[in-house]
Protein backbone atom coordinates (compact mmCIF):
# COMPACT_ATOMS: atom_id res chain seq x y z
CA UNK A 1 -24.25 -11.32 -19.05
CA UNK A 2 -22.79 -7.89 -19.07
CA UNK A 3 -24.73 -6.53 -15.84
CA UNK A 4 -23.46 -9.97 -14.71
CA UNK A 5 -19.88 -9.43 -15.59
CA UNK A 6 -19.97 -5.45 -14.43
CA UNK A 7 -21.40 -6.54 -11.38
CA UNK A 8 -18.79 -9.08 -10.49
CA UNK A 9 -15.95 -6.60 -11.45
CA UNK A 10 -17.07 -3.99 -9.10
CA UNK A 11 -16.96 -6.92 -6.48
CA UNK A 12 -13.76 -8.14 -7.54
CA UNK A 13 -12.49 -4.33 -7.46
CA UNK A 14 -14.22 -4.10 -4.03
CA UNK A 15 -12.33 -7.25 -2.36
CA UNK A 16 -8.98 -6.07 -3.65
CA UNK A 17 -9.77 -2.46 -1.73
CA UNK A 18 -10.71 -4.19 1.36
CA UNK A 19 -8.20 -6.92 1.75
CA UNK A 20 -5.91 -4.67 0.75
CA UNK A 21 -6.68 -2.23 3.32
CA UNK A 22 -6.86 -4.51 6.31
CA UNK A 23 -3.77 -6.43 5.57
CA UNK A 24 -1.52 -3.38 5.25
CA UNK A 25 -2.99 -1.15 7.87
CA UNK A 26 -1.01 -0.60 11.36
CA UNK A 27 -4.04 -1.88 13.14
CA UNK A 28 -5.43 -4.81 10.78
CA UNK A 29 -8.01 -5.93 13.90
CA UNK A 30 -9.57 -2.22 13.55
CA UNK A 31 -9.78 -1.97 10.25
CA UNK A 32 -11.90 -5.41 9.85
CA UNK A 33 -14.23 -4.07 12.44
CA UNK A 34 -14.57 -1.48 10.36
CA UNK A 35 -15.25 -2.99 6.99
CA UNK A 36 -17.78 -5.52 8.93
CA UNK A 37 -19.33 -2.05 10.54
CA UNK A 38 -19.69 -0.50 7.27
CA UNK A 39 -21.46 -3.60 5.99
CA UNK A 40 -23.83 -3.65 8.78
CA UNK A 41 -23.05 -7.39 9.46
CA UNK A 42 -22.81 -8.57 12.99
CA UNK A 43 -19.99 -10.91 14.33
CA UNK A 44 -22.62 -13.78 14.80
CA UNK A 45 -23.47 -13.82 11.04
CA UNK A 46 -20.04 -13.43 9.57
CA UNK A 47 -18.07 -16.26 12.00
CA UNK A 48 -21.63 -18.28 11.03
CA UNK A 49 -20.68 -17.72 7.61
CA UNK A 50 -17.06 -19.17 8.23
CA UNK A 51 -17.75 -21.82 10.86
CA UNK A 52 -15.94 -20.56 13.41
CA UNK A 53 -16.89 -18.99 16.91
CA UNK A 54 -17.75 -15.62 17.32
CA UNK A 55 -15.12 -15.27 19.87
CA UNK A 56 -12.62 -15.70 16.86
CA UNK A 57 -14.01 -12.92 14.85
CA UNK A 58 -13.58 -10.16 18.33
CA UNK A 59 -10.39 -11.79 19.03
CA UNK A 60 -9.40 -10.71 15.79
CA UNK A 61 -11.14 -7.28 15.87
CA UNK A 62 -9.53 -6.75 19.29
CA UNK A 63 -5.88 -7.91 18.57
CA UNK A 64 -6.00 -10.37 21.09
CA UNK A 65 -5.55 -12.89 18.38
CA UNK A 66 -2.52 -12.86 16.53
CA UNK A 67 -3.21 -10.47 12.93
CA UNK A 68 -5.20 -12.64 10.34
CA UNK A 69 -3.16 -13.49 7.35
CA UNK A 70 -3.83 -12.68 4.10
CA UNK A 71 -5.68 -16.48 3.21
CA UNK A 72 -7.63 -15.54 6.57
CA UNK A 73 -8.49 -11.95 5.41
CA UNK A 74 -9.47 -13.15 1.68
CA UNK A 75 -11.93 -15.32 3.42
CA UNK A 76 -13.31 -13.03 5.64
CA UNK A 77 -13.51 -10.09 2.63
CA UNK A 78 -15.43 -13.13 0.71
CA UNK A 79 -17.60 -14.06 3.68
CA UNK A 80 -18.96 -10.04 4.03
CA UNK A 81 -19.47 -9.58 0.13
CA UNK A 82 -21.18 -12.74 -0.33
CA UNK A 83 -23.53 -12.13 2.95
CA UNK A 84 -24.41 -8.94 1.30
CA UNK A 85 -24.83 -10.14 -2.18
CA UNK A 86 -27.62 -12.22 -0.38
CA UNK A 87 -28.77 -9.73 1.44
CA UNK A 88 -29.52 -7.73 -2.24
CA UNK A 89 -25.95 -6.29 -2.71
CA UNK A 90 -26.93 -2.48 -1.44
CA UNK A 91 -23.74 -2.03 0.46
CA UNK A 92 -21.67 -3.42 -2.63
CA UNK A 93 -23.32 -1.24 -4.92
CA UNK A 94 -22.67 1.79 -2.69
CA UNK A 95 -19.38 1.78 -3.06
CA UNK A 96 -19.33 1.68 -6.81
CA UNK A 97 -19.01 5.36 -7.70
CA UNK A 98 -15.88 5.50 -5.12
CA UNK A 99 -14.19 2.73 -6.82
CA UNK A 100 -14.38 3.94 -10.39
CA UNK A 101 -13.44 7.46 -9.40
CA UNK A 102 -9.75 8.88 -10.18
CA UNK A 103 -8.27 8.32 -6.93
CA UNK A 104 -4.25 7.80 -7.82
CA UNK A 105 -3.94 11.21 -8.33
CA UNK A 106 -4.70 12.25 -5.19
CA UNK A 107 -1.97 9.87 -3.33
CA UNK A 108 1.08 11.07 -5.81
CA UNK A 109 2.91 14.01 -4.98
CA UNK A 110 5.07 13.75 -8.34
CA UNK A 111 6.74 11.72 -10.71
CA UNK A 112 9.02 11.89 -13.03
CA UNK A 113 10.94 9.77 -15.71
CA UNK A 114 14.57 9.89 -16.13
CA UNK A 115 16.32 9.42 -19.73
CA UNK A 116 19.36 7.54 -17.81
CA UNK A 117 19.52 6.17 -14.76
CA UNK A 118 20.74 7.77 -11.27
CA UNK A 119 22.92 5.13 -9.01
CA UNK A 120 21.58 4.66 -5.28
CA UNK A 121 24.28 6.62 -3.74
CA UNK A 122 23.68 9.80 -5.78
CA UNK A 123 19.89 9.35 -4.49
CA UNK A 124 21.01 9.11 -1.07
CA UNK A 125 22.96 12.06 -1.36
CA UNK A 126 20.60 14.45 -2.98
CA UNK A 127 18.04 13.63 -0.45
CA UNK A 128 20.49 13.47 2.85
CA UNK A 129 18.55 9.98 3.41
CA UNK A 130 20.11 6.65 5.50
CA UNK A 131 20.19 3.76 4.71
CA UNK A 132 18.32 1.13 6.40
CA UNK A 133 18.65 -1.81 4.19
CA UNK A 134 21.44 -2.19 1.19
CA UNK A 135 19.28 -4.45 -1.22
CA UNK A 136 20.14 -5.07 -4.48
CA UNK A 137 21.13 -2.21 -6.03
CA UNK A 138 19.70 -1.10 -9.51
CA UNK A 139 19.76 1.88 -11.78
CA UNK A 140 16.90 4.45 -11.24
CA UNK A 141 14.81 5.50 -14.05
CA UNK A 142 12.46 7.77 -12.31
CA UNK A 143 11.17 8.64 -9.01
CA UNK A 144 7.31 8.94 -7.26
CA UNK A 145 6.44 10.53 -4.17
CA UNK A 146 3.66 9.06 -2.58
CA UNK A 147 1.21 9.96 0.35
CA UNK A 148 1.26 6.60 2.06
CA UNK A 149 -2.14 7.05 4.22
CA UNK A 150 -3.85 7.71 0.79
CA UNK A 151 -2.23 5.07 -0.69
CA UNK A 152 -2.84 2.71 1.55
CA UNK A 153 -6.35 3.48 2.03
CA UNK A 154 -7.69 4.92 -1.17
CA UNK A 155 -6.34 2.38 -3.55
CA UNK A 156 -6.82 -1.07 -4.80
CA UNK A 157 -4.01 -3.10 -5.44
CA UNK A 158 -4.23 -2.54 -9.09
CA UNK A 159 -4.65 1.22 -8.50
CA UNK A 160 -1.62 0.95 -6.54
CA UNK A 161 0.61 -0.81 -9.05
CA UNK A 162 -0.54 2.27 -11.28
CA UNK A 163 2.15 4.28 -9.06
CA UNK A 164 5.33 3.00 -10.64
CA UNK A 165 4.77 5.17 -14.13
CA UNK A 166 6.84 3.97 -16.91
CA UNK A 167 9.12 1.77 -15.02
CA UNK A 168 9.58 -0.63 -11.83
CA UNK A 169 13.03 0.67 -11.65
CA UNK A 170 12.41 3.98 -9.79
CA UNK A 171 12.54 5.26 -6.30
CA UNK A 172 9.27 5.14 -4.47
CA UNK A 173 9.73 7.50 -1.60
CA UNK A 174 6.46 7.18 0.85
CA UNK A 175 5.65 10.46 2.87
CA UNK A 176 3.40 10.67 6.24
CA UNK A 177 4.33 7.45 7.38
CA UNK A 178 4.82 6.75 11.28
CA UNK A 179 6.91 3.97 11.65
CA UNK A 180 7.68 2.24 7.98
CA UNK A 181 5.67 -0.55 8.10
CA UNK A 182 3.01 0.13 5.55
CA UNK A 183 4.36 0.72 3.06
CA UNK A 184 7.11 -2.01 2.82
CA UNK A 185 3.76 -4.30 3.47
CA UNK A 186 1.93 -2.55 0.52
CA UNK A 187 4.66 -3.15 -1.43
CA UNK A 188 5.21 -6.96 -0.34
CA UNK A 189 1.57 -7.99 -1.42
CA UNK A 190 2.09 -6.58 -4.74
CA UNK A 191 3.98 -8.41 -7.89
CA UNK A 192 5.81 -5.29 -8.53
CA UNK A 193 8.91 -4.06 -6.41
CA UNK A 194 10.59 -0.95 -6.57
CA UNK A 195 14.67 -0.09 -7.61
CA UNK A 196 14.89 1.59 -3.80
CA UNK A 197 12.09 2.70 -1.05
CA UNK A 198 12.52 5.79 0.76
CA UNK A 199 10.30 6.37 3.99
CA UNK A 200 10.03 10.31 4.58
CA UNK A 201 9.82 11.73 7.84
CA UNK A 202 11.64 9.45 9.45
CA UNK A 203 15.70 8.96 10.76
CA UNK A 204 17.32 5.48 9.65
CA UNK A 205 17.17 4.57 13.59
CA UNK A 206 13.18 5.44 13.53
CA UNK A 207 12.43 3.13 11.10
CA UNK A 208 10.32 0.05 12.78
CA UNK A 209 12.30 -2.84 12.44
CA UNK A 210 10.27 -5.23 10.81
CA UNK A 211 10.07 -2.42 7.84
CA UNK A 212 14.08 -3.28 7.92
CA UNK A 213 12.98 -6.95 8.28
CA UNK A 214 10.65 -6.82 5.08
CA UNK A 215 13.39 -5.17 3.27
CA UNK A 216 15.98 -7.43 3.93
CA UNK A 217 13.61 -10.45 3.00
CA UNK A 218 12.71 -8.74 -0.90
CA UNK A 219 16.72 -7.60 -0.92
CA UNK A 220 14.88 -4.04 -1.28
CA UNK A 221 17.39 -0.93 -1.05
CA UNK A 222 15.68 1.03 2.06
CA UNK A 223 16.27 4.49 2.75
CA UNK A 224 15.01 7.40 5.05
CA UNK A 225 14.87 10.98 5.22
CA UNK A 226 13.58 14.04 6.64
CA UNK A 227 14.28 16.72 4.13
CA UNK A 228 11.59 18.87 3.15
CA UNK A 229 9.49 17.23 0.58
CA UNK A 230 9.64 20.19 -1.66
CA UNK A 231 13.27 20.50 -1.25
CA UNK A 232 13.43 17.00 -1.94
CA UNK A 233 11.34 16.81 -5.04
CA UNK A 234 13.11 20.00 -6.59
CA UNK A 235 16.75 18.03 -5.85
CA UNK A 236 15.41 15.18 -7.61
CA UNK A 237 14.07 17.08 -10.69
CA UNK A 238 17.62 18.75 -11.25
CA UNK A 239 19.60 15.33 -11.30
CA UNK A 240 18.19 15.27 -15.10
CA UNK A 241 19.47 18.45 -16.09
CA UNK A 242 23.01 18.02 -14.63
CA UNK A 243 23.18 13.66 -14.96
CA UNK A 244 25.33 14.40 -18.42
CA UNK A 245 28.02 16.41 -16.46
CA UNK A 246 28.83 13.49 -14.18
């Protein structure tokens, strides 16, 4: 019974990681193909299990068909895992050690908690950020600086939520972004929402309009800055030393 529960836990965590990576990817079709090839499952086997034409899977993977939604992604992920289970579960088992290693720390540059909150305008001033979307302003009780690529590629949805520290009312600062879309997608598919999202490495007019749209839907403050990351972290940490005087 315990072994069955352990296997189910591994499978569930792997499903979360796979679905999250596919959904959050800038190119979900390519990521879907990567996972199918990782499991060494032919398109015909996958399409047969799902009851669709092989051309449907091919169209998703090539980008000819509109990116699959979360429901379709979940079905495909479940199909890959079930086919592997029927074949002995060797691929699922091979991912066990990676799933239970501590990847969270590698995705985080810095995390900090404030005793007294910071207002959004002060955040923007300290990091010289442009407002992309104003959203609903909330007091910020800390910040987390995240390597967006590592967070999206390495963390399950459960691990992603650990990035919030002691409070969700914080600024989530994503580095190494190219368009700004992936961090917003990551936040959209989790239950927890930060007090503000900061895109590092882009100016406000360079952020993808889709990222702005997602921020508008979730009513999230969205900012963008190109300040040196060490200076940015230093400025935000210093806030706790002088906020009492303001």
